[in-house]
Amino acid sequence: MESGSATNFRHYLGLFGLIPFEHPVWKEGKNFLNKEKIRFVKKPTLIIHAEYDSLVPLEEAKVLFANSGAENKKLIIIPRADHNSLMRWGKEKYFKGLADFVANYATQ
């Protein structure tokens, strides 16, 4: 997962009035939020996120990682990167992390 949102862009959808903050869909237990859905994923999970992501804050990745149901999971944070500059600041770390993950779990 790259630059994923744990809360399904709740902040932005609320700001634009598309789904109000108080709407029931945002409540825990509705299985709408990605942080809830990822609890059911048991396959090895790789999350890659930019340290300074201004669109989807790094905290979202940390929440996804903490809620992941996978026994084998890894969070790679690309230092200095923003949402659209992962390759600029972390191309080597990104692809090494991806290659290592695939090498370790390709048969699972």
N, C-alpha and C. Protein backbone atom coordinates (compact mmCIF):
# COMPACT_ATOMS: atom_id res chain seq x y z
N MET A 1 0.85 -1.15 0.00
CA MET A 1 0.00 0.00 0.00
C MET A 1 0.91 1.23 0.00
N GLU A 2 0.63 2.15 -0.86
CA GLU A 2 1.43 3.38 -0.95
C GLU A 2 0.56 4.59 -0.63
N SER A 3 1.00 5.37 0.33
CA SER A 3 0.34 6.63 0.70
C SER A 3 -1.14 6.46 1.00
N GLY A 4 -1.49 5.37 1.68
CA GLY A 4 -2.88 5.08 1.96
C GLY A 4 -3.46 5.85 3.13
N SER A 5 -4.76 6.04 3.08
CA SER A 5 -5.47 6.76 4.14
C SER A 5 -6.18 5.77 5.06
N ALA A 6 -5.99 5.93 6.35
CA ALA A 6 -6.66 5.07 7.34
C ALA A 6 -8.09 5.50 7.56
N THR A 7 -8.35 6.78 7.36
CA THR A 7 -9.68 7.33 7.67
C THR A 7 -10.44 7.78 6.43
N ASN A 8 -10.06 7.26 5.28
CA ASN A 8 -10.79 7.49 4.03
C ASN A 8 -11.02 8.97 3.72
N PHE A 9 -10.02 9.78 3.97
CA PHE A 9 -10.09 11.21 3.66
C PHE A 9 -11.23 11.90 4.39
N ARG A 10 -11.53 11.44 5.60
CA ARG A 10 -12.61 12.02 6.40
C ARG A 10 -12.49 13.53 6.49
N HIS A 11 -11.29 14.01 6.76
CA HIS A 11 -11.08 15.44 6.93
C HIS A 11 -11.50 16.21 5.67
N TYR A 12 -11.02 15.75 4.51
CA TYR A 12 -11.32 16.46 3.26
C TYR A 12 -12.79 16.35 2.87
N LEU A 13 -13.35 15.17 3.02
CA LEU A 13 -14.76 14.99 2.67
C LEU A 13 -15.66 15.83 3.56
N GLY A 14 -15.29 15.96 4.83
CA GLY A 14 -16.04 16.80 5.75
C GLY A 14 -15.90 18.27 5.42
N LEU A 15 -14.68 18.69 5.10
CA LEU A 15 -14.44 20.10 4.77
C LEU A 15 -15.26 20.55 3.56
N PHE A 16 -15.37 19.66 2.58
CA PHE A 16 -16.10 20.02 1.37
C PHE A 16 -17.59 19.72 1.48
N GLY A 17 -18.03 19.26 2.64
CA GLY A 17 -19.44 19.00 2.87
C GLY A 17 -19.98 17.77 2.17
N LEU A 18 -19.11 16.93 1.64
CA LEU A 18 -19.56 15.74 0.92
C LEU A 18 -20.11 14.69 1.87
N ILE A 19 -19.40 14.43 2.96
CA ILE A 19 -19.89 13.56 4.02
C ILE A 19 -19.60 14.29 5.33
N PRO A 20 -20.61 14.82 5.99
CA PRO A 20 -20.39 15.60 7.21
C PRO A 20 -19.65 14.80 8.28
N PHE A 21 -18.89 15.50 9.11
CA PHE A 21 -18.10 14.86 10.16
C PHE A 21 -18.96 13.99 11.08
N GLU A 22 -20.18 14.39 11.31
CA GLU A 22 -21.03 13.66 12.26
C GLU A 22 -21.81 12.51 11.61
N HIS A 23 -21.61 12.26 10.33
CA HIS A 23 -22.32 11.19 9.63
C HIS A 23 -21.98 9.83 10.27
N PRO A 24 -22.97 8.95 10.40
CA PRO A 24 -22.74 7.65 11.05
C PRO A 24 -21.68 6.78 10.37
N VAL A 25 -21.43 6.98 9.10
CA VAL A 25 -20.45 6.15 8.39
C VAL A 25 -19.05 6.27 9.00
N TRP A 26 -18.77 7.38 9.68
CA TRP A 26 -17.45 7.60 10.27
C TRP A 26 -17.26 6.90 11.61
N LYS A 27 -18.32 6.35 12.15
CA LYS A 27 -18.22 5.70 13.47
C LYS A 27 -17.50 4.35 13.36
N GLU A 28 -16.73 4.03 14.39
CA GLU A 28 -16.08 2.73 14.46
C GLU A 28 -17.12 1.62 14.37
N GLY A 29 -16.75 0.53 13.76
CA GLY A 29 -17.64 -0.62 13.67
C GLY A 29 -18.50 -0.67 12.43
N LYS A 30 -18.42 0.35 11.58
CA LYS A 30 -19.21 0.36 10.35
C LYS A 30 -18.45 -0.30 9.19
N ASN A 31 -17.18 -0.61 9.42
CA ASN A 31 -16.30 -1.21 8.41
C ASN A 31 -16.20 -0.39 7.14
N PHE A 32 -16.32 0.93 7.29
CA PHE A 32 -16.14 1.84 6.16
C PHE A 32 -14.69 2.33 6.11
N LEU A 33 -14.11 2.55 7.27
CA LEU A 33 -12.76 3.10 7.34
C LEU A 33 -11.71 2.04 6.98
N ASN A 34 -10.70 2.47 6.25
CA ASN A 34 -9.63 1.55 5.86
C ASN A 34 -8.93 0.95 7.07
N LYS A 35 -8.85 1.71 8.16
CA LYS A 35 -8.19 1.18 9.36
C LYS A 35 -8.98 0.01 9.95
N GLU A 36 -10.25 -0.08 9.66
CA GLU A 36 -11.05 -1.23 10.08
C GLU A 36 -10.92 -2.38 9.09
N LYS A 37 -10.95 -2.05 7.81
CA LYS A 37 -10.86 -3.08 6.77
C LYS A 37 -9.53 -3.83 6.83
N ILE A 38 -8.45 -3.11 7.12
CA ILE A 38 -7.13 -3.73 7.10
C ILE A 38 -6.96 -4.76 8.23
N ARG A 39 -7.81 -4.70 9.22
CA ARG A 39 -7.76 -5.69 10.31
C ARG A 39 -8.06 -7.09 9.80
N PHE A 40 -8.80 -7.18 8.70
CA PHE A 40 -9.17 -8.47 8.13
C PHE A 40 -8.13 -9.01 7.16
N VAL A 41 -7.13 -8.21 6.81
CA VAL A 41 -6.09 -8.64 5.87
C VAL A 41 -5.03 -9.40 6.65
N LYS A 42 -4.91 -10.67 6.35
CA LYS A 42 -3.95 -11.52 7.07
C LYS A 42 -2.69 -11.80 6.25
N LYS A 43 -2.74 -11.49 4.98
CA LYS A 43 -1.58 -11.68 4.11
C LYS A 43 -0.48 -10.68 4.48
N PRO A 44 0.78 -11.02 4.19
CA PRO A 44 1.87 -10.06 4.45
C PRO A 44 1.54 -8.70 3.83
N THR A 45 1.84 -7.66 4.56
CA THR A 45 1.44 -6.31 4.17
C THR A 45 2.63 -5.36 4.21
N LEU A 46 2.78 -4.60 3.13
CA LEU A 46 3.82 -3.57 3.03
C LEU A 46 3.13 -2.22 2.86
N ILE A 47 3.50 -1.29 3.72
CA ILE A 47 2.97 0.07 3.65
C ILE A 47 4.15 1.01 3.42
N ILE A 48 4.07 1.81 2.38
CA ILE A 48 5.12 2.79 2.06
C ILE A 48 4.48 4.18 2.12
N HIS A 49 5.15 5.09 2.83
CA HIS A 49 4.57 6.42 3.02
C HIS A 49 5.65 7.48 3.11
N ALA A 50 5.34 8.67 2.65
CA ALA A 50 6.27 9.81 2.72
C ALA A 50 6.27 10.41 4.12
N GLU A 51 7.45 10.80 4.57
CA GLU A 51 7.59 11.40 5.90
C GLU A 51 6.77 12.68 6.04
N TYR A 52 6.78 13.50 5.00
CA TYR A 52 6.10 14.80 5.07
C TYR A 52 4.93 14.88 4.09
N ASP A 53 4.16 13.82 4.00
CA ASP A 53 3.02 13.79 3.08
C ASP A 53 1.99 14.84 3.50
N SER A 54 1.77 15.81 2.62
CA SER A 54 0.84 16.90 2.94
C SER A 54 -0.60 16.58 2.53
N LEU A 55 -0.81 15.53 1.76
CA LEU A 55 -2.16 15.13 1.36
C LEU A 55 -2.72 14.07 2.31
N VAL A 56 -1.91 13.05 2.58
CA VAL A 56 -2.28 11.98 3.51
C VAL A 56 -1.18 11.93 4.57
N PRO A 57 -1.40 12.53 5.72
CA PRO A 57 -0.35 12.61 6.73
C PRO A 57 0.23 11.25 7.13
N LEU A 58 1.49 11.25 7.50
CA LEU A 58 2.18 10.03 7.91
C LEU A 58 1.43 9.29 9.02
N GLU A 59 0.76 10.02 9.87
CA GLU A 59 -0.01 9.38 10.95
C GLU A 59 -1.02 8.37 10.41
N GLU A 60 -1.56 8.63 9.22
CA GLU A 60 -2.51 7.69 8.60
C GLU A 60 -1.83 6.34 8.34
N ALA A 61 -0.60 6.37 7.87
CA ALA A 61 0.14 5.13 7.62
C ALA A 61 0.41 4.39 8.92
N LYS A 62 0.74 5.14 9.94
CA LYS A 62 1.01 4.53 11.25
C LYS A 62 -0.25 3.88 11.82
N VAL A 63 -1.39 4.50 11.60
CA VAL A 63 -2.66 3.93 12.05
C VAL A 63 -2.97 2.66 11.26
N LEU A 64 -2.77 2.68 9.95
CA LEU A 64 -2.98 1.48 9.14
C LEU A 64 -2.07 0.35 9.61
N PHE A 65 -0.81 0.66 9.83
CA PHE A 65 0.16 -0.34 10.27
C PHE A 65 -0.27 -0.93 11.62
N ALA A 66 -0.65 -0.08 12.55
CA ALA A 66 -1.05 -0.55 13.88
C ALA A 66 -2.31 -1.42 13.82
N ASN A 67 -3.19 -1.14 12.87
CA ASN A 67 -4.44 -1.88 12.75
C ASN A 67 -4.36 -3.09 11.82
N SER A 68 -3.25 -3.24 11.13
CA SER A 68 -3.10 -4.35 10.20
C SER A 68 -3.26 -5.69 10.91
N GLY A 69 -4.03 -6.57 10.29
CA GLY A 69 -4.22 -7.91 10.84
C GLY A 69 -3.13 -8.88 10.44
N ALA A 70 -2.18 -8.42 9.65
CA ALA A 70 -1.11 -9.28 9.16
C ALA A 70 -0.08 -9.55 10.26
N GLU A 71 0.36 -10.77 10.33
CA GLU A 71 1.44 -11.12 11.25
C GLU A 71 2.76 -10.56 10.71
N ASN A 72 2.93 -10.66 9.40
CA ASN A 72 4.13 -10.15 8.73
C ASN A 72 3.77 -8.84 8.04
N LYS A 73 4.25 -7.77 8.61
CA LYS A 73 3.95 -6.45 8.07
C LYS A 73 5.16 -5.55 8.22
N LYS A 74 5.26 -4.57 7.31
CA LYS A 74 6.38 -3.65 7.34
C LYS A 74 5.90 -2.28 6.92
N LEU A 75 6.41 -1.26 7.60
CA LEU A 75 6.14 0.13 7.26
C LEU A 75 7.45 0.76 6.83
N ILE A 76 7.48 1.28 5.62
CA ILE A 76 8.66 1.99 5.11
C ILE A 76 8.29 3.46 4.99
N ILE A 77 9.05 4.29 5.68
CA ILE A 77 8.85 5.73 5.63
C ILE A 77 9.97 6.33 4.80
N ILE A 78 9.60 7.08 3.79
CA ILE A 78 10.59 7.71 2.91
C ILE A 78 10.91 9.10 3.48
N PRO A 79 12.11 9.27 4.03
CA PRO A 79 12.49 10.55 4.63
C PRO A 79 12.47 11.70 3.62
N ARG A 80 12.09 12.87 4.08
CA ARG A 80 12.07 14.12 3.33
C ARG A 80 11.02 14.17 2.23
N ALA A 81 10.37 13.07 1.93
CA ALA A 81 9.44 13.03 0.80
C ALA A 81 8.07 13.58 1.17
N ASP A 82 7.38 14.10 0.14
CA ASP A 82 5.98 14.51 0.23
C ASP A 82 5.17 13.50 -0.59
N HIS A 83 3.88 13.71 -0.69
CA HIS A 83 2.99 12.75 -1.35
C HIS A 83 3.45 12.38 -2.77
N ASN A 84 3.91 13.35 -3.53
CA ASN A 84 4.28 13.09 -4.92
C ASN A 84 5.78 13.09 -5.17
N SER A 85 6.58 12.99 -4.11
CA SER A 85 8.03 13.01 -4.32
C SER A 85 8.73 11.78 -3.73
N LEU A 86 8.01 10.69 -3.62
CA LEU A 86 8.61 9.46 -3.09
C LEU A 86 9.82 9.02 -3.91
N MET A 87 9.72 9.09 -5.22
CA MET A 87 10.83 8.65 -6.08
C MET A 87 12.01 9.62 -6.02
N ARG A 88 11.71 10.87 -5.88
CA ARG A 88 12.79 11.87 -5.83
C ARG A 88 13.66 11.65 -4.60
N TRP A 89 13.05 11.42 -3.45
CA TRP A 89 13.79 11.34 -2.20
C TRP A 89 14.10 9.92 -1.76
N GLY A 90 13.39 8.96 -2.28
CA GLY A 90 13.59 7.61 -1.74
C GLY A 90 13.52 6.48 -2.73
N LYS A 91 13.89 6.74 -3.96
CA LYS A 91 13.80 5.72 -5.00
C LYS A 91 14.48 4.41 -4.59
N GLU A 92 15.70 4.49 -4.08
CA GLU A 92 16.45 3.29 -3.71
C GLU A 92 15.77 2.56 -2.54
N LYS A 93 15.39 3.32 -1.51
CA LYS A 93 14.75 2.71 -0.34
C LYS A 93 13.41 2.10 -0.73
N TYR A 94 12.67 2.79 -1.57
CA TYR A 94 11.36 2.32 -2.03
C TYR A 94 11.50 0.97 -2.74
N PHE A 95 12.37 0.92 -3.77
CA PHE A 95 12.48 -0.29 -4.57
C PHE A 95 13.19 -1.42 -3.84
N LYS A 96 14.12 -1.10 -2.97
CA LYS A 96 14.75 -2.15 -2.16
C LYS A 96 13.74 -2.75 -1.21
N GLY A 97 12.94 -1.91 -0.57
CA GLY A 97 11.91 -2.40 0.34
C GLY A 97 10.89 -3.26 -0.39
N LEU A 98 10.50 -2.83 -1.57
CA LEU A 98 9.56 -3.60 -2.38
C LEU A 98 10.16 -4.94 -2.81
N ALA A 99 11.41 -4.91 -3.28
CA ALA A 99 12.08 -6.15 -3.72
C ALA A 99 12.25 -7.12 -2.55
N ASP A 100 12.66 -6.61 -1.39
CA ASP A 100 12.81 -7.47 -0.21
C ASP A 100 11.49 -8.09 0.19
N PHE A 101 10.44 -7.30 0.16
CA PHE A 101 9.12 -7.78 0.53
C PHE A 101 8.66 -8.89 -0.41
N VAL A 102 8.81 -8.67 -1.70
CA VAL A 102 8.41 -9.68 -2.69
C VAL A 102 9.26 -10.94 -2.52
N ALA A 103 10.56 -10.78 -2.32
CA ALA A 103 11.45 -11.93 -2.15
C ALA A 103 11.05 -12.74 -0.92
N ASN A 104 10.63 -12.09 0.14
CA ASN A 104 10.28 -12.78 1.38
C ASN A 104 8.91 -13.44 1.33
N TYR A 105 7.97 -12.85 0.61
CA TYR A 105 6.58 -13.31 0.72
C TYR A 105 5.91 -13.69 -0.61
N ALA A 106 6.66 -13.82 -1.67
CA ALA A 106 6.06 -14.09 -2.99
C ALA A 106 5.28 -15.40 -3.02
N THR A 107 5.61 -16.35 -2.19
CA THR A 107 4.93 -17.64 -2.24
C THR A 107 3.79 -17.75 -1.24
N GLN A 108 3.56 -16.73 -0.45
CA GLN A 108 2.48 -16.81 0.56
C GLN A 108 1.17 -16.29 0.04
